[in-house]
C-alpha atoms as a PDB file:
ATOM      1  CA  MET A   1     -20.854  -7.457 -35.848  1.00  0.00           C
ATOM      2  CA  ALA A   2     -22.934  -5.514 -33.320  1.00  0.00           C
ATOM      3  CA  ALA A   3     -22.805  -6.564 -29.684  1.00  0.00           C
ATOM      4  CA  THR A   4     -25.861  -8.397 -28.352  1.00  0.00           C
ATOM      5  CA  PRO A   5     -28.061  -6.665 -25.725  1.00  0.00           C
ATOM      6  CA  MET A   6     -26.716  -9.088 -23.092  1.00  0.00           C
ATOM      7  CA  LEU A   7     -23.088  -8.246 -23.917  1.00  0.00           C
ATOM      8  CA  GLN A   8     -23.912  -4.541 -23.860  1.00  0.00           C
ATOM      9  CA  HIS A   9     -25.544  -4.969 -20.444  1.00  0.00           C
ATOM     10  CA  GLU A  10     -22.516  -6.846 -19.084  1.00  0.00           C
ATOM     11  CA  ALA A  11     -20.231  -4.113 -20.415  1.00  0.00           C
ATOM     12  CA  ARG A  12     -22.324  -1.460 -18.666  1.00  0.00           C
ATOM     13  CA  LEU A  13     -22.109  -3.403 -15.390  1.00  0.00           C
ATOM     14  CA  ARG A  14     -18.320  -3.696 -15.713  1.00  0.00           C
ATOM     15  CA  GLN A  15     -18.218   0.045 -16.329  1.00  0.00           C
ATOM     16  CA  GLN A  16     -20.268   0.670 -13.179  1.00  0.00           C
ATOM     17  CA  ALA A  17     -18.091  -1.689 -11.141  1.00  0.00           C
ATOM     18  CA  LEU A  18     -14.938   0.094 -12.303  1.00  0.00           C
ATOM     19  CA  GLU A  19     -16.433   3.462 -11.410  1.00  0.00           C
ATOM     20  CA  TRP A  20     -17.206   2.166  -7.917  1.00  0.00           C
ATOM     21  CA  GLN A  21     -13.606   0.979  -7.613  1.00  0.00           C
ATOM     22  CA  VAL A  22     -12.454   4.481  -8.520  1.00  0.00           C
ATOM     23  CA  VAL A  23     -14.616   5.873  -5.713  1.00  0.00           C
ATOM     24  CA  LEU A  24     -13.262   3.352  -3.213  1.00  0.00           C
ATOM     25  CA  TRP A  25      -9.642   4.015  -4.182  1.00  0.00           C
ATOM     26  CA  SER A  26     -10.159   7.729  -3.644  1.00  0.00           C
ATOM     27  CA  GLY A  27     -10.179   7.176   0.135  1.00  0.00           C
ATOM     28  CA  GLU A  28     -12.990   9.729   0.504  1.00  0.00           C
ATOM     29  CA  VAL A  29     -16.152   7.594   0.498  1.00  0.00           C
ATOM     30  CA  THR A  30     -19.156   9.468   1.885  1.00  0.00           C
ATOM     31  CA  ALA A  31     -22.009   7.855   3.796  1.00  0.00           C
ATOM     32  CA  ASP A  32     -24.315   8.355   0.800  1.00  0.00           C
ATOM     33  CA  GLU A  33     -21.789   6.762  -1.550  1.00  0.00           C
ATOM     34  CA  GLN A  34     -21.406   3.836   0.844  1.00  0.00           C
ATOM     35  CA  SER A  35     -25.177   3.353   0.907  1.00  0.00           C
ATOM     36  CA  ASP A  36     -25.431   3.642  -2.883  1.00  0.00           C
ATOM     37  CA  PHE A  37     -22.664   1.092  -3.358  1.00  0.00           C
ATOM     38  CA  ASP A  38     -24.277  -1.312  -0.888  1.00  0.00           C
ATOM     39  CA  ASN A  39     -27.576  -1.050  -2.752  1.00  0.00           C
ATOM     40  CA  TRP A  40     -25.891  -1.475  -6.143  1.00  0.00           C
ATOM     41  CA  LEU A  41     -23.986  -4.550  -4.990  1.00  0.00           C
ATOM     42  CA  ALA A  42     -27.082  -6.143  -3.447  1.00  0.00           C
ATOM     43  CA  ALA A  43     -29.275  -5.466  -6.496  1.00  0.00           C
ATOM     44  CA  SER A  44     -28.465  -8.670  -8.374  1.00  0.00           C
ATOM     45  CA  ASP A  45     -26.040 -11.530  -8.898  1.00  0.00           C
ATOM     46  CA  LEU A  46     -24.900  -9.846 -12.118  1.00  0.00           C
ATOM     47  CA  HIS A  47     -23.782  -6.795 -10.150  1.00  0.00           C
ATOM     48  CA  ARG A  48     -21.848  -8.974  -7.732  1.00  0.00           C
ATOM     49  CA  GLN A  49     -20.261 -10.858 -10.641  1.00  0.00           C
ATOM     50  CA  ALA A  50     -19.143  -7.585 -12.254  1.00  0.00           C
ATOM     51  CA  TRP A  51     -17.671  -6.470  -8.935  1.00  0.00           C
ATOM     52  CA  SER A  52     -15.821  -9.787  -8.585  1.00  0.00           C
ATOM     53  CA  GLU A  53     -14.271  -9.302 -12.030  1.00  0.00           C
ATOM     54  CA  ILE A  54     -12.931  -5.876 -11.045  1.00  0.00           C
ATOM     55  CA  ALA A  55     -11.664  -7.306  -7.742  1.00  0.00           C
ATOM     56  CA  ALA A  56      -9.820 -10.003  -9.707  1.00  0.00           C
ATOM     57  CA  ILE A  57      -8.081  -7.319 -11.772  1.00  0.00           C
ATOM     58  CA  GLU A  58      -7.099  -5.493  -8.588  1.00  0.00           C
ATOM     59  CA  ARG A  59      -5.575  -8.666  -7.174  1.00  0.00           C
ATOM     60  CA  LYS A  60      -3.378  -8.946 -10.254  1.00  0.00           C
ATOM     61  CA  LEU A  61      -2.330  -5.305  -9.980  1.00  0.00           C
ATOM     62  CA  GLN A  62      -1.978  -4.974  -6.206  1.00  0.00           C
ATOM     63  CA  LEU A  63       0.632  -2.226  -6.453  1.00  0.00           C
ATOM     64  CA  ILE A  64      -1.336   0.094  -8.698  1.00  0.00           C
ATOM     65  CA  PRO A  65      -4.121   1.510  -6.481  1.00  0.00           C
ATOM     66  CA  ALA A  66      -1.886   3.959  -4.585  1.00  0.00           C
ATOM     67  CA  GLN A  67      -0.729   5.458  -7.870  1.00  0.00           C
ATOM     68  CA  ALA A  68      -4.298   5.560  -9.156  1.00  0.00           C
ATOM     69  CA  VAL A  69      -5.254   7.608  -6.119  1.00  0.00           C
ATOM     70  CA  GLU A  70      -2.534  10.122  -7.026  1.00  0.00           C
ATOM     71  CA  LEU A  71      -4.042  10.496 -10.489  1.00  0.00           C
ATOM     72  CA  LEU A  72      -7.528  10.914  -9.080  1.00  0.00           C
ATOM     73  CA  LYS A  73      -6.353  13.692  -6.784  1.00  0.00           C
ATOM     74  CA  ASP A  74      -3.992  15.430  -9.182  1.00  0.00           C
ATOM     75  CA  LYS A  75      -5.873  15.362 -12.507  1.00  0.00           C
ATOM     76  CA  PRO A  76      -9.040  17.234 -13.506  1.00  0.00           C
ATOM     77  CA  ASP A  77     -12.269  15.257 -13.845  1.00  0.00           C
ATOM     78  CA  SER A  78     -12.094  15.175 -17.652  1.00  0.00           C
ATOM     79  CA  THR A  79      -8.867  13.150 -17.589  1.00  0.00           C
ATOM     80  CA  LYS A  80      -9.303  11.016 -14.480  1.00  0.00           C
ATOM     81  CA  ARG A  81     -10.994   8.016 -15.996  1.00  0.00           C
ATOM     82  CA  ARG A  82      -8.887   7.952 -19.149  1.00  0.00           C
ATOM     83  CA  ARG A  83      -5.635   7.944 -17.163  1.00  0.00           C
ATOM     84  CA  LEU A  84      -6.982   5.382 -14.712  1.00  0.00           C
ATOM     85  CA  LEU A  85      -8.039   3.059 -17.510  1.00  0.00           C
ATOM     86  CA  GLN A  86      -4.559   3.370 -19.003  1.00  0.00           C
ATOM     87  CA  LEU A  87      -3.079   2.535 -15.637  1.00  0.00           C
ATOM     88  CA  LEU A  88      -5.275  -0.519 -15.253  1.00  0.00           C
ATOM     89  CA  GLY A  89      -4.617  -1.631 -18.807  1.00  0.00           C
ATOM     90  CA  LEU A  90      -8.249  -2.205 -19.736  1.00  0.00           C
ATOM     91  CA  ALA A  91     -11.229  -0.519 -21.364  1.00  0.00           C
ATOM     92  CA  ALA A  92     -14.108  -1.329 -19.050  1.00  0.00           C
ATOM     93  CA  ALA A  93     -16.909  -0.649 -21.491  1.00  0.00           C
ATOM     94  CA  THR A  94     -15.655  -3.078 -24.113  1.00  0.00           C
ATOM     95  CA  GLY A  95     -13.539  -5.492 -22.143  1.00  0.00           C
ATOM     96  CA  GLY A  96     -10.556  -4.522 -24.330  1.00  0.00           C
ATOM     97  CA  THR A  97      -7.099  -3.405 -23.276  1.00  0.00           C
ATOM     98  CA  VAL A  98      -4.964  -0.309 -23.666  1.00  0.00           C
ATOM     99  CA  PRO A  99      -1.225  -0.129 -23.065  1.00  0.00           C
ATOM    100  CA  ILE A 100      -0.042   0.533 -19.522  1.00  0.00           C
ATOM    101  CA  VAL A 101       2.069   3.663 -19.274  1.00  0.00           C
ATOM    102  CA  ARG A 102       5.469   2.091 -18.826  1.00  0.00           C
ATOM    103  CA  ASN A 103       7.243   5.156 -17.515  1.00  0.00           C
ATOM    104  CA  SER A 104       4.701   5.700 -14.724  1.00  0.00           C
ATOM    105  CA  ASP A 105       5.561   5.048 -11.085  1.00  0.00           C
ATOM    106  CA  ALA A 106       2.910   2.327 -11.021  1.00  0.00           C
ATOM    107  CA  TRP A 107       4.458   0.434 -13.928  1.00  0.00           C
ATOM    108  CA  GLN A 108       7.921   0.737 -12.374  1.00  0.00           C
ATOM    109  CA  ALA A 109       6.538  -0.721  -9.167  1.00  0.00           C
ATOM    110  CA  TRP A 110       4.761  -3.567 -10.948  1.00  0.00           C
ATOM    111  CA  SER A 111       7.849  -4.438 -13.009  1.00  0.00           C
ATOM    112  CA  ALA A 112      10.286  -4.141 -10.082  1.00  0.00           C
ATOM    113  CA  ASP A 113      12.914  -6.818  -9.416  1.00  0.00           C
ATOM    114  CA  HIS A 114      11.027  -8.025  -6.353  1.00  0.00           C
ATOM    115  CA  HIS A 115       7.520  -7.361  -5.098  1.00  0.00           C
ATOM    116  CA  THR A 116       4.996  -8.761  -2.647  1.00  0.00           C
ATOM    117  CA  HIS A 117       1.197  -8.749  -2.765  1.00  0.00           C
ATOM    118  CA  ALA A 118      -1.201  -7.783   0.014  1.00  0.00           C
ATOM    119  CA  GLY A 119      -0.568  -9.956   3.074  1.00  0.00           C
ATOM    120  CA  GLU A 120       2.621 -11.436   1.613  1.00  0.00           C
ATOM    121  CA  GLN A 121       6.132 -11.039   3.046  1.00  0.00           C
ATOM    122  CA  GLN A 122       9.472 -12.078   1.586  1.00  0.00           C
ATOM    123  CA  GLN A 123      13.096 -12.410   2.712  1.00  0.00           C
ATOM    124  CA  LEU A 124      15.982 -11.836   0.289  1.00  0.00           C
ATOM    125  CA  ALA A 125      19.731 -12.415   0.552  1.00  0.00           C
ATOM    126  CA  LEU A 126      21.620  -9.798  -1.445  1.00  0.00           C
ATOM    127  CA  SER A 127      24.863 -10.421  -3.336  1.00  0.00           C
ATOM    128  CA  ASP A 128      26.964  -8.493  -0.768  1.00  0.00           C
ATOM    129  CA  GLY A 129      25.634 -10.530   2.159  1.00  0.00           C
ATOM    130  CA  SER A 130      23.035  -7.977   3.231  1.00  0.00           C
ATOM    131  CA  GLN A 131      19.536  -9.164   4.088  1.00  0.00           C
ATOM    132  CA  LEU A 132      16.284  -7.627   2.922  1.00  0.00           C
ATOM    133  CA  PHE A 133      12.826  -8.288   4.355  1.00  0.00           C
ATOM    134  CA  LEU A 134       9.850  -7.093   2.308  1.00  0.00           C
ATOM    135  CA  ASN A 135       6.536  -6.353   3.985  1.00  0.00           C
ATOM    136  CA  THR A 136       3.070  -6.436   2.415  1.00  0.00           C
ATOM    137  CA  SER A 137       2.487  -4.777  -1.009  1.00  0.00           C
ATOM    138  CA  THR A 138       6.123  -3.810  -1.510  1.00  0.00           C
ATOM    139  CA  ALA A 139       8.144  -3.303  -4.694  1.00  0.00           C
ATOM    140  CA  VAL A 140      11.897  -2.776  -4.861  1.00  0.00           C
ATOM    141  CA  ASP A 141      14.615  -2.683  -7.525  1.00  0.00           C
ATOM    142  CA  ILE A 142      18.160  -3.794  -6.689  1.00  0.00           C
ATOM    143  CA  GLU A 143      20.920  -1.912  -8.508  1.00  0.00           C
ATOM    144  CA  PHE A 144      24.397  -2.975  -7.407  1.00  0.00           C
ATOM    145  CA  ASN A 145      27.411  -1.927  -9.473  1.00  0.00           C
ATOM    146  CA  SER A 146      31.101  -1.185  -8.981  1.00  0.00           C
ATOM    147  CA  ARG A 147      30.372   2.245  -7.478  1.00  0.00           C
ATOM    148  CA  GLU A 148      27.397   1.764  -5.172  1.00  0.00           C
ATOM    149  CA  ARG A 149      24.777  -0.559  -3.723  1.00  0.00           C
ATOM    150  CA  ARG A 150      21.374   1.000  -4.324  1.00  0.00           C
ATOM    151  CA  LEU A 151      17.859  -0.215  -3.502  1.00  0.00           C
ATOM    152  CA  ILE A 152      14.969   1.690  -5.087  1.00  0.00           C
ATOM    153  CA  LEU A 153      11.795   1.379  -3.017  1.00  0.00           C
ATOM    154  CA  HIS A 154       8.814   2.073  -5.270  1.00  0.00           C
ATOM    155  CA  HIS A 155       6.095   1.034  -2.862  1.00  0.00           C
ATOM    156  CA  GLY A 156       5.599  -0.424   0.597  1.00  0.00           C
ATOM    157  CA  GLU A 157       7.984  -1.220   3.436  1.00  0.00           C
ATOM    158  CA  MET A 158      11.211  -3.130   4.041  1.00  0.00           C
ATOM    159  CA  TYR A 159      13.708  -3.945   6.780  1.00  0.00           C
ATOM    160  CA  VAL A 160      17.406  -3.969   5.884  1.00  0.00           C
ATOM    161  CA  ARG A 161      20.390  -5.593   7.572  1.00  0.00           C
ATOM    162  CA  THR A 162      23.444  -4.278   5.797  1.00  0.00           C
ATOM    163  CA  ALA A 163      26.681  -6.255   5.480  1.00  0.00           C
ATOM    164  CA  ALA A 164      30.207  -4.896   5.174  1.00  0.00           C
ATOM    165  CA  ASP A 165      31.205  -4.523   1.542  1.00  0.00           C
ATOM    166  CA  ALA A 166      33.777  -7.170   0.627  1.00  0.00           C
ATOM    167  CA  GLY A 167      35.016  -5.355  -2.491  1.00  0.00           C
ATOM    168  CA  GLN A 168      38.323  -3.530  -2.837  1.00  0.00           C
ATOM    169  CA  SER A 169      36.551  -0.187  -2.500  1.00  0.00           C
ATOM    170  CA  VAL A 170      33.716   0.350  -0.071  1.00  0.00           C
ATOM    171  CA  ARG A 171      30.529   1.069  -1.971  1.00  0.00           C
ATOM    172  CA  PRO A 172      27.873   3.187  -0.220  1.00  0.00           C
ATOM    173  CA  PHE A 173      24.614   1.394   0.610  1.00  0.00           C
ATOM    174  CA  LEU A 174      21.704   3.593  -0.499  1.00  0.00           C
ATOM    175  CA  ILE A 175      17.920   3.407  -0.251  1.00  0.00           C
ATOM    176  CA  GLN A 176      16.150   5.601  -2.797  1.00  0.00           C
ATOM    177  CA  THR A 177      12.482   6.658  -2.718  1.00  0.00           C
ATOM    178  CA  ARG A 178      10.617   9.421  -4.494  1.00  0.00           C
ATOM    179  CA  HIS A 179      11.341  11.674  -1.497  1.00  0.00           C
ATOM    180  CA  GLY A 180      15.138  11.296  -1.445  1.00  0.00           C
ATOM    181  CA  VAL A 181      17.951   8.939  -0.434  1.00  0.00           C
ATOM    182  CA  ALA A 182      18.940   7.263   2.841  1.00  0.00           C
ATOM    183  CA  GLN A 183      22.529   6.029   3.236  1.00  0.00           C
ATOM    184  CA  ALA A 184      23.136   3.199   5.664  1.00  0.00           C
ATOM    185  CA  LEU A 185      26.225   3.419   7.864  1.00  0.00           C
ATOM    186  CA  GLY A 186      26.582  -0.099   9.265  1.00  0.00           C
ATOM    187  CA  SER A 187      22.880  -0.242   9.952  1.00  0.00           C
ATOM    188  CA  LYS A 188      19.786  -2.301  10.658  1.00  0.00           C
ATOM    189  CA  PHE A 189      16.783  -0.168   9.819  1.00  0.00           C
ATOM    190  CA  ASN A 190      13.204  -0.088   8.581  1.00  0.00           C
ATOM    191  CA  VAL A 191      11.971   2.021   5.651  1.00  0.00           C
ATOM    192  CA  ARG A 192       8.303   2.628   4.889  1.00  0.00           C
ATOM    193  CA  LEU A 193       7.202   4.635   1.872  1.00  0.00           C
ATOM    194  CA  LYS A 194       3.988   6.557   2.481  1.00  0.00           C
ATOM    195  CA  GLN A 195       2.141   8.911   0.196  1.00  0.00           C
ATOM    196  CA  GLU A 196       3.385  12.069   1.884  1.00  0.00           C
ATOM    197  CA  GLU A 197       6.723  10.904   3.310  1.00  0.00           C
ATOM    198  CA  THR A 198       9.299   8.148   3.684  1.00  0.00           C
ATOM    199  CA  ARG A 199       9.594   6.911   7.267  1.00  0.00           C
ATOM    200  CA  VAL A 200      12.899   5.511   8.590  1.00  0.00           C
ATOM    201  CA  SER A 201      13.475   3.832  11.971  1.00  0.00           C
ATOM    202  CA  VAL A 202      17.048   2.879  12.903  1.00  0.00           C
ATOM    203  CA  HIS A 203      17.672  -0.160  15.101  1.00  0.00           C
ATOM    204  CA  GLU A 204      21.456  -0.403  14.815  1.00  0.00           C
ATOM    205  CA  GLY A 205      24.079   1.971  13.471  1.00  0.00           C
ATOM    206  CA  VAL A 206      23.266   5.269  11.753  1.00  0.00           C
ATOM    207  CA  VAL A 207      21.350   6.341   8.640  1.00  0.00           C
ATOM    208  CA  GLN A 208      22.164   9.564   6.789  1.00  0.00           C
ATOM    209  CA  ILE A 209      19.069  10.947   5.061  1.00  0.00           C
ATOM    210  CA  GLN A 210      19.098  13.352   2.128  1.00  0.00           C
ATOM    211  CA  PRO A 211      15.736  14.733   0.953  1.00  0.00           C
ATOM    212  CA  ARG A 212      15.648  15.530  -2.750  1.00  0.00           C
ATOM    213  CA  LEU A 213      15.304  19.267  -2.163  1.00  0.00           C
ATOM    214  CA  GLY A 214      16.388  19.726   1.453  1.00  0.00           C
ATOM    215  CA  SER A 215      19.269  19.509   3.913  1.00  0.00           C
ATOM    216  CA  SER A 216      20.628  16.159   5.099  1.00  0.00           C
ATOM    217  CA  HIS A 217      19.859  14.663   8.506  1.00  0.00           C
ATOM    218  CA  ARG A 218      21.685  12.057  10.587  1.00  0.00           C
ATOM    219  CA  LEU A 219      19.388   9.561  12.290  1.00  0.00           C
ATOM    220  CA  GLU A 220      20.906   7.615  15.203  1.00  0.00           C
ATOM    221  CA  HIS A 221      19.955   4.114  16.364  1.00  0.00           C
ATOM    222  CA  GLY A 222      16.865   3.917  18.541  1.00  0.00           C
ATOM    223  CA  PHE A 223      15.113   6.742  16.699  1.00  0.00           C
ATOM    224  CA  GLN A 224      12.798   7.289  13.760  1.00  0.00           C
ATOM    225  CA  ALA A 225      11.828  10.185  11.523  1.00  0.00           C
ATOM    226  CA  GLY A 226       9.944  10.862   8.335  1.00  0.00           C
ATOM    227  CA  PHE A 227      11.215  12.874   5.415  1.00  0.00           C
ATOM    228  CA  SER A 228       9.445  14.426   2.457  1.00  0.00           C
ATOM    229  CA  THR A 229      10.984  15.940  -0.654  1.00  0.00           C
ATOM    230  CA  HIS A 230      11.776  19.144   1.212  1.00  0.00           C
ATOM    231  CA  GLY A 231      12.518  18.232   4.846  1.00  0.00           C
ATOM    232  CA  PHE A 232      11.923  16.173   7.988  1.00  0.00           C
ATOM    233  CA  THR A 233       9.341  15.496  10.649  1.00  0.00           C
ATOM    234  CA  ALA A 234      10.379  15.453  14.308  1.00  0.00           C
ATOM    235  CA  THR A 235      12.718  12.674  15.450  1.00  0.00           C
ATOM    236  CA  THR A 236      11.063  10.352  17.995  1.00  0.00           C
ATOM    237  CA  PRO A 237      12.021   7.090  19.773  1.00  0.00           C
ATOM    238  CA  ASN A 238      11.245   3.853  17.936  1.00  0.00           C
ATOM    239  CA  GLY A 239       7.974   2.110  18.704  1.00  0.00           C
ATOM    240  CA  ASN A 240       6.417  -1.062  17.275  1.00  0.00           C
ATOM    241  CA  GLU A 241       7.655  -0.613  13.704  1.00  0.00           C
ATOM    242  CA  LEU A 242       9.181  -4.092  13.560  1.00  0.00           C
ATOM    243  CA  ALA A 243       6.211  -6.059  14.884  1.00  0.00           C
ATOM    244  CA  TRP A 244       5.410  -7.070  11.296  1.00  0.00           C
ATOM    245  CA  LEU A 245       8.645  -9.077  11.175  1.00  0.00           C
ATOM    246  CA  GLU A 246       7.124 -11.323  13.854  1.00  0.00           C
ATOM    247  CA  GLY A 247       3.779 -11.513  12.055  1.00  0.00           C
ATOM    248  CA  LYS A 248       2.076  -9.184  14.517  1.00  0.00           C
ATOM    249  CA  LEU A 249       0.063  -5.985  14.403  1.00  0.00           C
ATOM    250  CA  VAL A 250       0.403  -4.069  17.678  1.00  0.00           C
ATOM    251  CA  ALA A 251      -2.026  -1.386  18.830  1.00  0.00           C
ATOM    252  CA  GLU A 252      -1.594   0.674  21.985  1.00  0.00           C
ATOM    253  CA  HIS A 253      -4.658   2.860  22.533  1.00  0.00           C
ATOM    254  CA  VAL A 254      -4.965   3.437  18.789  1.00  0.00           C
ATOM    255  CA  ARG A 255      -7.917   5.100  17.092  1.00  0.00           C
ATOM    256  CA  LEU A 256      -9.897   2.309  15.400  1.00  0.00           C
ATOM    257  CA  GLY A 257      -9.974   4.120  12.063  1.00  0.00           C
ATOM    258  CA  ASP A 258      -6.176   4.288  12.018  1.00  0.00           C
ATOM    259  CA  PHE A 259      -5.983   0.648  13.092  1.00  0.00           C
ATOM    260  CA  LEU A 260      -8.292  -0.476  10.267  1.00  0.00           C
ATOM    261  CA  ASP A 261      -6.297   1.573   7.756  1.00  0.00           C
ATOM    262  CA  GLU A 262      -3.166  -0.243   8.892  1.00  0.00           C
ATOM    263  CA  LEU A 263      -4.915  -3.622   8.819  1.00  0.00           C
ATOM    264  CA  GLY A 264      -6.073  -2.831   5.287  1.00  0.00           C
ATOM    265  CA  ARG A 265      -2.452  -2.925   4.102  1.00  0.00           C
ATOM    266  CA  TYR A 266      -2.422  -6.668   4.787  1.00  0.00           C
ATOM    267  CA  ARG A 267      -5.793  -7.510   3.285  1.00  0.00           C
ATOM    268  CA  ARG A 268      -6.901  -7.630  -0.347  1.00  0.00           C
ATOM    269  CA  GLY A 269      -9.844  -5.353  -0.999  1.00  0.00           C
ATOM    270  CA  THR A 270     -11.323  -2.531   1.067  1.00  0.00           C
ATOM    271  CA  ILE A 271     -12.215  -2.073   4.735  1.00  0.00           C
ATOM    272  CA  HIS A 272     -14.799   0.682   5.110  1.00  0.00           C
ATOM    273  CA  TYR A 273     -15.840   2.122   8.489  1.00  0.00           C
ATOM    274  CA  ASP A 274     -18.211   4.810   9.674  1.00  0.00           C
ATOM    275  CA  ALA A 275     -17.192   7.927  11.610  1.00  0.00           C
ATOM    276  CA  LYS A 276     -18.488   6.682  14.966  1.00  0.00           C
ATOM    277  CA  ALA A 277     -16.547   3.431  14.698  1.00  0.00           C
ATOM    278  CA  ALA A 278     -13.424   5.301  13.561  1.00  0.00           C
ATOM    279  CA  ASP A 279     -13.266   7.235  16.836  1.00  0.00           C
ATOM    280  CA  MET A 280     -13.308   4.134  19.045  1.00  0.00           C
ATOM    281  CA  VAL A 281     -10.022   3.060  20.638  1.00  0.00           C
ATOM    282  CA  VAL A 282      -8.382  -0.358  20.337  1.00  0.00           C
ATOM    283  CA  SER A 283      -5.424  -2.036  22.040  1.00  0.00           C
ATOM    284  CA  GLY A 284      -3.890  -5.459  21.605  1.00  0.00           C
ATOM    285  CA  VAL A 285      -1.468  -7.701  19.763  1.00  0.00           C
ATOM    286  CA  PHE A 286      -3.007  -9.283  16.667  1.00  0.00           C
ATOM    287  CA  PRO A 287      -1.786 -12.129  14.382  1.00  0.00           C
ATOM    288  CA  LEU A 288      -1.262 -10.675  10.896  1.00  0.00           C
ATOM    289  CA  PRO A 289      -1.605 -13.883   8.846  1.00  0.00           C
ATOM    290  CA  ASP A 290      -5.374 -14.000   9.548  1.00  0.00           C
ATOM    291  CA  THR A 291      -7.038 -10.628   8.977  1.00  0.00           C
ATOM    292  CA  ASP A 292     -10.533 -12.169   9.223  1.00  0.00           C
ATOM    293  CA  ARG A 293      -9.660 -13.352  12.713  1.00  0.00           C
ATOM    294  CA  ILE A 294      -8.501  -9.852  13.645  1.00  0.00           C
ATOM    295  CA  LEU A 295     -11.777  -8.352  12.441  1.00  0.00           C
ATOM    296  CA  GLU A 296     -13.795 -10.926  14.369  1.00  0.00           C
ATOM    297  CA  SER A 297     -11.777 -10.277  17.535  1.00  0.00           C
ATOM    298  CA  LEU A 298     -12.785  -6.621  17.389  1.00  0.00           C
ATOM    299  CA  LEU A 299     -16.395  -7.711  17.885  1.00  0.00           C
ATOM    300  CA  GLN A 300     -15.435  -9.194  21.261  1.00  0.00           C
ATOM    301  CA  ALA A 301     -13.936  -5.928  22.483  1.00  0.00           C
ATOM    302  CA  LEU A 302     -15.999  -3.167  20.903  1.00  0.00           C
ATOM    303  CA  PRO A 303     -19.686  -2.510  20.107  1.00  0.00           C
ATOM    304  CA  LEU A 304     -19.386  -3.084  16.368  1.00  0.00           C
ATOM    305  CA  ARG A 305     -21.161  -4.739  13.468  1.00  0.00           C
ATOM    306  CA  ILE A 306     -19.102  -6.132  10.580  1.00  0.00           C
ATOM    307  CA  SER A 307     -20.658  -6.854   7.181  1.00  0.00           C
ATOM    308  CA  TYR A 308     -18.974  -8.804   4.373  1.00  0.00           C
ATOM    309  CA  PHE A 309     -20.428  -7.830   0.981  1.00  0.00           C
ATOM    310  CA  SER A 310     -17.701  -9.924  -0.614  1.00  0.00           C
ATOM    311  CA  ARG A 311     -14.302 -11.120   0.500  1.00  0.00           C
ATOM    312  CA  TYR A 312     -12.914  -7.878  -0.902  1.00  0.00           C
ATOM    313  CA  TRP A 313     -15.376  -5.416   0.626  1.00  0.00           C
ATOM    314  CA  VAL A 314     -15.868  -5.260   4.421  1.00  0.00           C
ATOM    315  CA  SER A 315     -17.853  -2.621   6.305  1.00  0.00           C
ATOM    316  CA  VAL A 316     -17.364  -1.884  10.013  1.00  0.00           C
ATOM    317  CA  HIS A 317     -20.157   0.013  11.752  1.00  0.00           C
ATOM    318  CA  ALA A 318     -20.679   1.187  15.337  1.00  0.00           C
ATOM    319  CA  LEU A 319     -23.751  -0.205  17.081  1.00  0.00           C
END
C-alpha cells in the first residue's frame, strides 16, 4: 500500500532532522548552517516535532555520537549517511530499522557492562575491593580472571581506587583504551578517554602507561599526562581533574568556548556558541547537577544572550 502524502511529508521531515543532527555532531557548524538550522526549526511545529523525535533517539543512544563523528570525518561523502544510519539503527526516510554494527566501537560502548548517560554519575564496588567512579557518558567493561584485572574504557571518564589483590597470585590491574594500557601500581587515579588521546592523572601511587605503538612511561603521583597510540604529551602537575567527583565544574580563566564544550559533556543535546562568545574568559566554581543554572549564571558575568530552541539545542551569542 502506498504511503499517504502526510506520511511521506513526515518521513521527509525526519530525514531533514537527521541530516541536521549529522551537521551538529560534526562539531564544525558554520554561521550560515546555524542560521539555516534556526530558520528550519522555527518554520513550523512539524519541524520541531521531527527534531524532538531525533533528540529522543539520541537520548537513547547517548554513547554513539562520538563514534558517529569519527565516521563523518573518516569516510567519503558517499558512505557517510549509510554508515551513520547503520550506527543509529534506523532508516530515517521510512521510519524503519537496520541492524547496528555489533563489532563497532559504538556498539561495544553501548553494550558495555556499565555505562552512564549525559549528566549521570555512578559508583561501583569491584569484586577485588577496588572502587570505580564513572563520570558522565561513560562506558566500561570489567574483565577479571585468574591472570589479571582489566577494565576496558570505551568512552568517557572514570576515577579508580585500586585495592590489594587478595588472591594467591597478584594479578595486575589494567586500564585499556583504544590508545593503549595503563597499569596501576597501588594507585588512585583518573582516566579520561578523548578523541585524540587518553588522559591520566595520578593522585596516589604510580601508573605505568604503555601506548599501543610506543614506549612505556611511568607517571608518578601528583602528575598527569596524555597518551595517544604512538606516544605521550608533556607531564604536568594535576589540576582540577577531580572536581567532578564533588559535583563541580571549575574554571580558572578559561576560554568560554572550551568551558561550554566541557559543560556540554554533562548536558543532553548541543550547546552552540559564536566565535565572539567563544573568546570570552570565564572563572568560577559551578554546580554540575544543574546545567541550566550554570548557563544562566554566565549571563550575570558576561555580555551574552542565550537562546533555547528546545531543551536539546542551546545557542550562546555575544552581545
